[in-house]
Amino acid sequence: MTENKKIRIEYYRSAISTPVKHKLVIKGLGFTRLNQIVERVDNESVRGMVKTVPHLVRIIN
């Protein structure tokens, strides 16, 4: 049985004046409001999404 590792991500900076692609990444990660913390499966796709918007989100452990 493989244990799915989780990653906690915080949305800490507004995406108001960012490109549309960045806004779509924020929405794809599941954020709906500022200062929200979500827990996602730690895989390459989620890490790639976080890597595209490092100025808007931070990883919390």
PDB file of N, CA and C in Angstrom:
ATOM      1  N   MET A   1       0.834  -1.181   0.000  1.00  0.00           N
ATOM      2  CA  MET A   1       0.000   0.000   0.000  1.00  0.00           C
ATOM      3  C   MET A   1       0.880   1.246   0.000  1.00  0.00           C
ATOM      4  N   THR A   2       0.743   2.091  -1.012  1.00  0.00           N
ATOM      5  CA  THR A   2       1.545   3.305  -1.081  1.00  0.00           C
ATOM      6  C   THR A   2       0.837   4.428  -0.330  1.00  0.00           C
ATOM      7  N   GLU A   3       1.604   5.102   0.470  1.00  0.00           N
ATOM      8  CA  GLU A   3       1.058   6.196   1.271  1.00  0.00           C
ATOM      9  C   GLU A   3       1.175   7.490   0.475  1.00  0.00           C
ATOM     10  N   ASN A   4       0.054   8.165   0.243  1.00  0.00           N
ATOM     11  CA  ASN A   4       0.058   9.424  -0.487  1.00  0.00           C
ATOM     12  C   ASN A   4       0.521  10.549   0.432  1.00  0.00           C
ATOM     13  N   LYS A   5       1.627  11.159   0.079  1.00  0.00           N
ATOM     14  CA  LYS A   5       2.123  12.293   0.864  1.00  0.00           C
ATOM     15  C   LYS A   5       1.321  13.530   0.497  1.00  0.00           C
ATOM     16  N   LYS A   6       1.123  14.386   1.476  1.00  0.00           N
ATOM     17  CA  LYS A   6       0.356  15.613   1.280  1.00  0.00           C
ATOM     18  C   LYS A   6       1.281  16.814   1.368  1.00  0.00           C
ATOM     19  N   ILE A   7       0.891  17.872   0.686  1.00  0.00           N
ATOM     20  CA  ILE A   7       1.621  19.131   0.728  1.00  0.00           C
ATOM     21  C   ILE A   7       0.620  20.221   1.095  1.00  0.00           C
ATOM     22  N   ARG A   8       0.997  21.084   2.023  1.00  0.00           N
ATOM     23  CA  ARG A   8       0.131  22.196   2.427  1.00  0.00           C
ATOM     24  C   ARG A   8       0.627  23.456   1.744  1.00  0.00           C
ATOM     25  N   ILE A   9      -0.291  24.158   1.086  1.00  0.00           N
ATOM     26  CA  ILE A   9       0.049  25.352   0.325  1.00  0.00           C
ATOM     27  C   ILE A   9      -0.799  26.508   0.827  1.00  0.00           C
ATOM     28  N   GLU A  10      -0.163  27.663   1.016  1.00  0.00           N
ATOM     29  CA  GLU A  10      -0.884  28.854   1.461  1.00  0.00           C
ATOM     30  C   GLU A  10      -0.889  29.893   0.346  1.00  0.00           C
ATOM     31  N   TYR A  11      -2.048  30.472   0.097  1.00  0.00           N
ATOM     32  CA  TYR A  11      -2.231  31.542  -0.881  1.00  0.00           C
ATOM     33  C   TYR A  11      -2.099  32.859  -0.122  1.00  0.00           C
ATOM     34  N   TYR A  12      -0.924  33.501  -0.233  1.00  0.00           N
ATOM     35  CA  TYR A  12      -0.659  34.647   0.634  1.00  0.00           C
ATOM     36  C   TYR A  12      -0.537  35.979  -0.078  1.00  0.00           C
ATOM     37  N   ARG A  13      -0.504  36.004  -1.395  1.00  0.00           N
ATOM     38  CA  ARG A  13      -0.404  37.274  -2.112  1.00  0.00           C
ATOM     39  C   ARG A  13      -1.430  37.296  -3.238  1.00  0.00           C
ATOM     40  N   SER A  14      -2.088  38.414  -3.413  1.00  0.00           N
ATOM     41  CA  SER A  14      -3.191  38.535  -4.357  1.00  0.00           C
ATOM     42  C   SER A  14      -2.730  38.377  -5.805  1.00  0.00           C
ATOM     43  N   ALA A  15      -3.601  37.798  -6.620  1.00  0.00           N
ATOM     44  CA  ALA A  15      -3.312  37.577  -8.040  1.00  0.00           C
ATOM     45  C   ALA A  15      -4.043  38.584  -8.921  1.00  0.00           C
ATOM     46  N   ILE A  16      -4.390  39.730  -8.379  1.00  0.00           N
ATOM     47  CA  ILE A  16      -5.179  40.711  -9.118  1.00  0.00           C
ATOM     48  C   ILE A  16      -4.451  41.198 -10.369  1.00  0.00           C
ATOM     49  N   SER A  17      -3.220  41.618 -10.251  1.00  0.00           N
ATOM     50  CA  SER A  17      -2.508  42.191 -11.398  1.00  0.00           C
ATOM     51  C   SER A  17      -1.542  41.200 -12.040  1.00  0.00           C
ATOM     52  N   THR A  18      -1.873  39.924 -11.985  1.00  0.00           N
ATOM     53  CA  THR A  18      -1.031  38.901 -12.600  1.00  0.00           C
ATOM     54  C   THR A  18      -1.644  38.452 -13.926  1.00  0.00           C
ATOM     55  N   PRO A  19      -0.879  37.779 -14.770  1.00  0.00           N
ATOM     56  CA  PRO A  19      -1.431  37.272 -16.034  1.00  0.00           C
ATOM     57  C   PRO A  19      -2.554  36.260 -15.806  1.00  0.00           C
ATOM     58  N   VAL A  20      -3.374  36.077 -16.814  1.00  0.00           N
ATOM     59  CA  VAL A  20      -4.520  35.169 -16.721  1.00  0.00           C
ATOM     60  C   VAL A  20      -4.064  33.753 -16.415  1.00  0.00           C
ATOM     61  N   LYS A  21      -2.935  33.330 -16.959  1.00  0.00           N
ATOM     62  CA  LYS A  21      -2.426  31.980 -16.700  1.00  0.00           C
ATOM     63  C   LYS A  21      -2.153  31.766 -15.216  1.00  0.00           C
ATOM     64  N   HIS A  22      -1.627  32.772 -14.545  1.00  0.00           N
ATOM     65  CA  HIS A  22      -1.357  32.651 -13.115  1.00  0.00           C
ATOM     66  C   HIS A  22      -2.660  32.546 -12.329  1.00  0.00           C
ATOM     67  N   LYS A  23      -3.664  33.299 -12.741  1.00  0.00           N
ATOM     68  CA  LYS A  23      -4.962  33.229 -12.068  1.00  0.00           C
ATOM     69  C   LYS A  23      -5.580  31.849 -12.227  1.00  0.00           C
ATOM     70  N   LEU A  24      -5.412  31.247 -13.412  1.00  0.00           N
ATOM     71  CA  LEU A  24      -5.945  29.914 -13.644  1.00  0.00           C
ATOM     72  C   LEU A  24      -5.214  28.861 -12.819  1.00  0.00           C
ATOM     73  N   VAL A  25      -3.907  29.044 -12.605  1.00  0.00           N
ATOM     74  CA  VAL A  25      -3.152  28.114 -11.763  1.00  0.00           C
ATOM     75  C   VAL A  25      -3.643  28.194 -10.324  1.00  0.00           C
ATOM     76  N   ILE A  26      -3.870  29.405  -9.830  1.00  0.00           N
ATOM     77  CA  ILE A  26      -4.388  29.588  -8.469  1.00  0.00           C
ATOM     78  C   ILE A  26      -5.744  28.904  -8.324  1.00  0.00           C
ATOM     79  N   LYS A  27      -6.602  29.074  -9.323  1.00  0.00           N
ATOM     80  CA  LYS A  27      -7.917  28.430  -9.301  1.00  0.00           C
ATOM     81  C   LYS A  27      -7.777  26.919  -9.383  1.00  0.00           C
ATOM     82  N   GLY A  28      -6.837  26.442 -10.179  1.00  0.00           N
ATOM     83  CA  GLY A  28      -6.616  25.012 -10.330  1.00  0.00           C
ATOM     84  C   GLY A  28      -6.103  24.350  -9.065  1.00  0.00           C
ATOM     85  N   LEU A  29      -5.362  25.101  -8.267  1.00  0.00           N
ATOM     86  CA  LEU A  29      -4.885  24.573  -6.989  1.00  0.00           C
ATOM     87  C   LEU A  29      -6.007  24.510  -5.956  1.00  0.00           C
ATOM     88  N   GLY A  30      -7.124  25.168  -6.236  1.00  0.00           N
ATOM     89  CA  GLY A  30      -8.279  25.094  -5.344  1.00  0.00           C
ATOM     90  C   GLY A  30      -8.438  26.279  -4.424  1.00  0.00           C
ATOM     91  N   PHE A  31      -7.715  27.356  -4.679  1.00  0.00           N
ATOM     92  CA  PHE A  31      -7.833  28.533  -3.822  1.00  0.00           C
ATOM     93  C   PHE A  31      -9.033  29.367  -4.229  1.00  0.00           C
ATOM     94  N   THR A  32      -9.780  29.831  -3.231  1.00  0.00           N
ATOM     95  CA  THR A  32     -10.914  30.705  -3.491  1.00  0.00           C
ATOM     96  C   THR A  32     -10.765  32.062  -2.801  1.00  0.00           C
ATOM     97  N   ARG A  33      -9.886  32.158  -1.805  1.00  0.00           N
ATOM     98  CA  ARG A  33      -9.703  33.434  -1.116  1.00  0.00           C
ATOM     99  C   ARG A  33      -8.264  33.554  -0.599  1.00  0.00           C
ATOM    100  N   LEU A  34      -7.876  34.755  -0.320  1.00  0.00           N
ATOM    101  CA  LEU A  34      -6.532  35.058   0.155  1.00  0.00           C
ATOM    102  C   LEU A  34      -6.313  34.479   1.550  1.00  0.00           C
ATOM    103  N   ASN A  35      -5.088  34.133   1.853  1.00  0.00           N
ATOM    104  CA  ASN A  35      -4.663  33.548   3.132  1.00  0.00           C
ATOM    105  C   ASN A  35      -5.279  32.184   3.400  1.00  0.00           C
ATOM    106  N   GLN A  36      -5.751  31.534   2.367  1.00  0.00           N
ATOM    107  CA  GLN A  36      -6.331  30.204   2.494  1.00  0.00           C
ATOM    108  C   GLN A  36      -5.215  29.163   2.436  1.00  0.00           C
ATOM    109  N   ILE A  37      -5.380  28.087   3.184  1.00  0.00           N
ATOM    110  CA  ILE A  37      -4.428  26.973   3.170  1.00  0.00           C
ATOM    111  C   ILE A  37      -5.160  25.742   2.677  1.00  0.00           C
ATOM    112  N   VAL A  38      -4.592  25.103   1.637  1.00  0.00           N
ATOM    113  CA  VAL A  38      -5.179  23.874   1.112  1.00  0.00           C
ATOM    114  C   VAL A  38      -4.158  22.759   1.228  1.00  0.00           C
ATOM    115  N   GLU A  39      -4.649  21.535   1.236  1.00  0.00           N
ATOM    116  CA  GLU A  39      -3.787  20.357   1.320  1.00  0.00           C
ATOM    117  C   GLU A  39      -3.984  19.553   0.041  1.00  0.00           C
ATOM    118  N   ARG A  40      -2.912  19.325  -0.687  1.00  0.00           N
ATOM    119  CA  ARG A  40      -2.968  18.596  -1.949  1.00  0.00           C
ATOM    120  C   ARG A  40      -2.005  17.416  -1.904  1.00  0.00           C
ATOM    121  N   VAL A  41      -2.208  16.465  -2.808  1.00  0.00           N
ATOM    122  CA  VAL A  41      -1.295  15.331  -2.936  1.00  0.00           C
ATOM    123  C   VAL A  41       0.030  15.854  -3.475  1.00  0.00           C
ATOM    124  N   ASP A  42       1.122  15.407  -2.887  1.00  0.00           N
ATOM    125  CA  ASP A  42       2.452  15.867  -3.285  1.00  0.00           C
ATOM    126  C   ASP A  42       2.919  15.052  -4.487  1.00  0.00           C
ATOM    127  N   ASN A  43       2.633  15.568  -5.695  1.00  0.00           N
ATOM    128  CA  ASN A  43       3.108  14.917  -6.910  1.00  0.00           C
ATOM    129  C   ASN A  43       3.697  15.960  -7.851  1.00  0.00           C
ATOM    130  N   GLU A  44       4.185  15.514  -8.989  1.00  0.00           N
ATOM    131  CA  GLU A  44       4.881  16.417  -9.904  1.00  0.00           C
ATOM    132  C   GLU A  44       3.974  17.498 -10.474  1.00  0.00           C
ATOM    133  N   SER A  45       2.714  17.175 -10.732  1.00  0.00           N
ATOM    134  CA  SER A  45       1.818  18.170 -11.319  1.00  0.00           C
ATOM    135  C   SER A  45       1.536  19.316 -10.352  1.00  0.00           C
ATOM    136  N   VAL A  46       1.310  18.992  -9.089  1.00  0.00           N
ATOM    137  CA  VAL A  46       1.052  20.036  -8.089  1.00  0.00           C
ATOM    138  C   VAL A  46       2.325  20.853  -7.851  1.00  0.00           C
ATOM    139  N   ARG A  47       3.464  20.179  -7.785  1.00  0.00           N
ATOM    140  CA  ARG A  47       4.731  20.904  -7.612  1.00  0.00           C
ATOM    141  C   ARG A  47       4.990  21.843  -8.785  1.00  0.00           C
ATOM    142  N   GLY A  48       4.645  21.409 -10.003  1.00  0.00           N
ATOM    143  CA  GLY A  48       4.807  22.260 -11.178  1.00  0.00           C
ATOM    144  C   GLY A  48       3.917  23.482 -11.129  1.00  0.00           C
ATOM    145  N   MET A  49       2.691  23.301 -10.639  1.00  0.00           N
ATOM    146  CA  MET A  49       1.780  24.435 -10.518  1.00  0.00           C
ATOM    147  C   MET A  49       2.299  25.440  -9.493  1.00  0.00           C
ATOM    148  N   VAL A  50       2.809  24.923  -8.376  1.00  0.00           N
ATOM    149  CA  VAL A  50       3.373  25.811  -7.351  1.00  0.00           C
ATOM    150  C   VAL A  50       4.606  26.529  -7.888  1.00  0.00           C
ATOM    151  N   LYS A  51       5.364  25.850  -8.721  1.00  0.00           N
ATOM    152  CA  LYS A  51       6.588  26.437  -9.282  1.00  0.00           C
ATOM    153  C   LYS A  51       6.286  27.581 -10.248  1.00  0.00           C
ATOM    154  N   THR A  52       5.101  27.556 -10.876  1.00  0.00           N
ATOM    155  CA  THR A  52       4.759  28.636 -11.807  1.00  0.00           C
ATOM    156  C   THR A  52       4.323  29.910 -11.090  1.00  0.00           C
ATOM    157  N   VAL A  53       3.857  29.792  -9.846  1.00  0.00           N
ATOM    158  CA  VAL A  53       3.412  30.986  -9.103  1.00  0.00           C
ATOM    159  C   VAL A  53       4.075  31.063  -7.727  1.00  0.00           C
ATOM    160  N   PRO A  54       5.409  31.011  -7.656  1.00  0.00           N
ATOM    161  CA  PRO A  54       6.048  31.042  -6.331  1.00  0.00           C
ATOM    162  C   PRO A  54       5.904  32.386  -5.630  1.00  0.00           C
ATOM    163  N   HIS A  55       5.590  33.436  -6.387  1.00  0.00           N
ATOM    164  CA  HIS A  55       5.420  34.759  -5.798  1.00  0.00           C
ATOM    165  C   HIS A  55       4.031  34.949  -5.186  1.00  0.00           C
ATOM    166  N   LEU A  56       3.130  33.972  -5.386  1.00  0.00           N
ATOM    167  CA  LEU A  56       1.768  34.092  -4.858  1.00  0.00           C
ATOM    168  C   LEU A  56       1.454  33.069  -3.768  1.00  0.00           C
ATOM    169  N   VAL A  57       2.168  31.926  -3.767  1.00  0.00           N
ATOM    170  CA  VAL A  57       1.874  30.874  -2.800  1.00  0.00           C
ATOM    171  C   VAL A  57       3.147  30.489  -2.069  1.00  0.00           C
ATOM    172  N   ARG A  58       2.983  29.848  -0.919  1.00  0.00           N
ATOM    173  CA  ARG A  58       4.126  29.314  -0.176  1.00  0.00           C
ATOM    174  C   ARG A  58       3.780  27.936   0.356  1.00  0.00           C
ATOM    175  N   ILE A  59       4.793  27.100   0.453  1.00  0.00           N
ATOM    176  CA  ILE A  59       4.617  25.735   0.954  1.00  0.00           C
ATOM    177  C   ILE A  59       4.811  25.759   2.465  1.00  0.00           C
ATOM    178  N   ILE A  60       3.863  25.164   3.184  1.00  0.00           N
ATOM    179  CA  ILE A  60       3.908  25.093   4.642  1.00  0.00           C
ATOM    180  C   ILE A  60       4.087  23.628   5.046  1.00  0.00           C
ATOM    181  N   ASN A  61       5.014  23.372   5.955  1.00  0.00           N
ATOM    182  CA  ASN A  61       5.209  22.012   6.446  1.00  0.00           C
ATOM    183  C   ASN A  61       4.920  21.917   7.918  1.00  0.00           C
TER     184      ASN A  61
END
